[in-house]
Amino acid sequence: MDKAVRAGVRARLCGLRGRRKEAGMVTSEYAVGIVAAVAFAVLLYKVVTGGQVGAELQRIVQEALNARM
């Protein structure tokens, strides 16, 4: 075989091998991302609805609503 042909065949084979290694990875990455986002949302909800933070947020909103323009 010619060197150029061998190099082309080798490049195609390496490309195919790389695709096989990544098969199915996208779905699992999305799943991990979604789980992390939901966990962060739950944590943020707990912090915001918790005592002191909730009271402070209500105070800020109340001040904003009572502000003169």
C-alpha atoms as a PDB file:
ATOM      1  CA  MET A   1       0.000   0.000   0.000  1.00  0.00           C
ATOM      2  CA  ASP A   2       0.998   3.565  -0.625  1.00  0.00           C
ATOM      3  CA  LYS A   3       1.926   5.636   2.454  1.00  0.00           C
ATOM      4  CA  ALA A   4      -0.843   8.125   1.801  1.00  0.00           C
ATOM      5  CA  VAL A   5      -3.438   5.348   1.518  1.00  0.00           C
ATOM      6  CA  ARG A   6      -2.217   3.736   4.733  1.00  0.00           C
ATOM      7  CA  ALA A   7      -2.339   7.061   6.520  1.00  0.00           C
ATOM      8  CA  GLY A   8      -5.904   7.622   5.295  1.00  0.00           C
ATOM      9  CA  VAL A   9      -7.016   4.160   6.409  1.00  0.00           C
ATOM     10  CA  ARG A  10      -5.341   4.642   9.790  1.00  0.00           C
ATOM     11  CA  ALA A  11      -7.041   8.030  10.259  1.00  0.00           C
ATOM     12  CA  ARG A  12     -10.448   6.556   9.443  1.00  0.00           C
ATOM     13  CA  LEU A  13      -9.927   3.645  11.825  1.00  0.00           C
ATOM     14  CA  CYS A  14      -8.846   5.984  14.625  1.00  0.00           C
ATOM     15  CA  GLY A  15     -11.897   8.133  13.957  1.00  0.00           C
ATOM     16  CA  LEU A  16     -14.193   5.125  14.193  1.00  0.00           C
ATOM     17  CA  ARG A  17     -12.558   3.949  17.399  1.00  0.00           C
ATOM     18  CA  GLY A  18     -12.991   7.400  18.939  1.00  0.00           C
ATOM     19  CA  ARG A  19     -16.691   7.444  18.096  1.00  0.00           C
ATOM     20  CA  ARG A  20     -17.255   4.029  19.618  1.00  0.00           C
ATOM     21  CA  LYS A  21     -15.646   5.113  22.893  1.00  0.00           C
ATOM     22  CA  GLU A  22     -18.035   8.034  23.212  1.00  0.00           C
ATOM     23  CA  ALA A  23     -21.202   6.162  22.299  1.00  0.00           C
ATOM     24  CA  GLY A  24     -23.785   6.675  25.041  1.00  0.00           C
ATOM     25  CA  MET A  25     -21.766   9.274  26.917  1.00  0.00           C
ATOM     26  CA  VAL A  26     -23.963  12.204  25.966  1.00  0.00           C
ATOM     27  CA  THR A  27     -27.052  10.768  27.655  1.00  0.00           C
ATOM     28  CA  SER A  28     -25.213  10.029  30.883  1.00  0.00           C
ATOM     29  CA  GLU A  29     -23.672  13.499  30.905  1.00  0.00           C
ATOM     30  CA  TYR A  30     -27.124  15.047  30.539  1.00  0.00           C
ATOM     31  CA  ALA A  31     -28.427  12.864  33.370  1.00  0.00           C
ATOM     32  CA  VAL A  32     -25.623  13.909  35.711  1.00  0.00           C
ATOM     33  CA  GLY A  33     -26.142  17.557  34.769  1.00  0.00           C
ATOM     34  CA  ILE A  34     -29.865  17.356  35.435  1.00  0.00           C
ATOM     35  CA  VAL A  35     -29.356  15.661  38.804  1.00  0.00           C
ATOM     36  CA  ALA A  36     -26.827  18.333  39.800  1.00  0.00           C
ATOM     37  CA  ALA A  37     -29.167  21.135  38.697  1.00  0.00           C
ATOM     38  CA  VAL A  38     -32.091  19.675  40.639  1.00  0.00           C
ATOM     39  CA  ALA A  39     -29.946  19.217  43.753  1.00  0.00           C
ATOM     40  CA  PHE A  40     -28.796  22.837  43.502  1.00  0.00           C
ATOM     41  CA  ALA A  41     -32.384  24.025  43.012  1.00  0.00           C
ATOM     42  CA  VAL A  42     -33.544  22.124  46.092  1.00  0.00           C
ATOM     43  CA  LEU A  43     -30.681  23.533  48.150  1.00  0.00           C
ATOM     44  CA  LEU A  44     -31.399  27.060  46.931  1.00  0.00           C
ATOM     45  CA  TYR A  45     -35.124  26.630  47.698  1.00  0.00           C
ATOM     46  CA  LYS A  46     -34.337  25.467  51.241  1.00  0.00           C
ATOM     47  CA  VAL A  47     -32.030  28.438  51.822  1.00  0.00           C
ATOM     48  CA  VAL A  48     -34.464  30.994  50.406  1.00  0.00           C
ATOM     49  CA  THR A  49     -37.510  29.653  52.251  1.00  0.00           C
ATOM     50  CA  GLY A  50     -35.581  29.236  55.493  1.00  0.00           C
ATOM     51  CA  GLY A  51     -36.129  31.676  58.376  1.00  0.00           C
ATOM     52  CA  GLN A  52     -33.600  34.504  58.243  1.00  0.00           C
ATOM     53  CA  VAL A  53     -33.065  34.547  54.476  1.00  0.00           C
ATOM     54  CA  GLY A  54     -36.805  34.509  53.794  1.00  0.00           C
ATOM     55  CA  ALA A  55     -37.371  37.396  56.191  1.00  0.00           C
ATOM     56  CA  GLU A  56     -34.551  39.406  54.622  1.00  0.00           C
ATOM     57  CA  LEU A  57     -35.903  38.808  51.117  1.00  0.00           C
ATOM     58  CA  GLN A  58     -39.368  39.898  52.220  1.00  0.00           C
ATOM     59  CA  ARG A  59     -37.882  43.059  53.725  1.00  0.00           C
ATOM     60  CA  ILE A  60     -36.042  43.861  50.478  1.00  0.00           C
ATOM     61  CA  VAL A  61     -39.168  43.302  48.390  1.00  0.00           C
ATOM     62  CA  GLN A  62     -41.263  45.387  50.788  1.00  0.00           C
ATOM     63  CA  GLU A  63     -38.747  48.259  50.607  1.00  0.00           C
ATOM     64  CA  ALA A  64     -38.734  48.049  46.809  1.00  0.00           C
ATOM     65  CA  LEU A  65     -42.531  48.179  46.677  1.00  0.00           C
ATOM     66  CA  ASN A  66     -42.692  51.143  49.065  1.00  0.00           C
ATOM     67  CA  ALA A  67     -39.950  53.126  47.301  1.00  0.00           C
ATOM     68  CA  ARG A  68     -40.899  56.469  45.781  1.00  0.00           C
ATOM     69  CA  MET A  69     -40.154  57.129  42.163  1.00  0.00           C
END
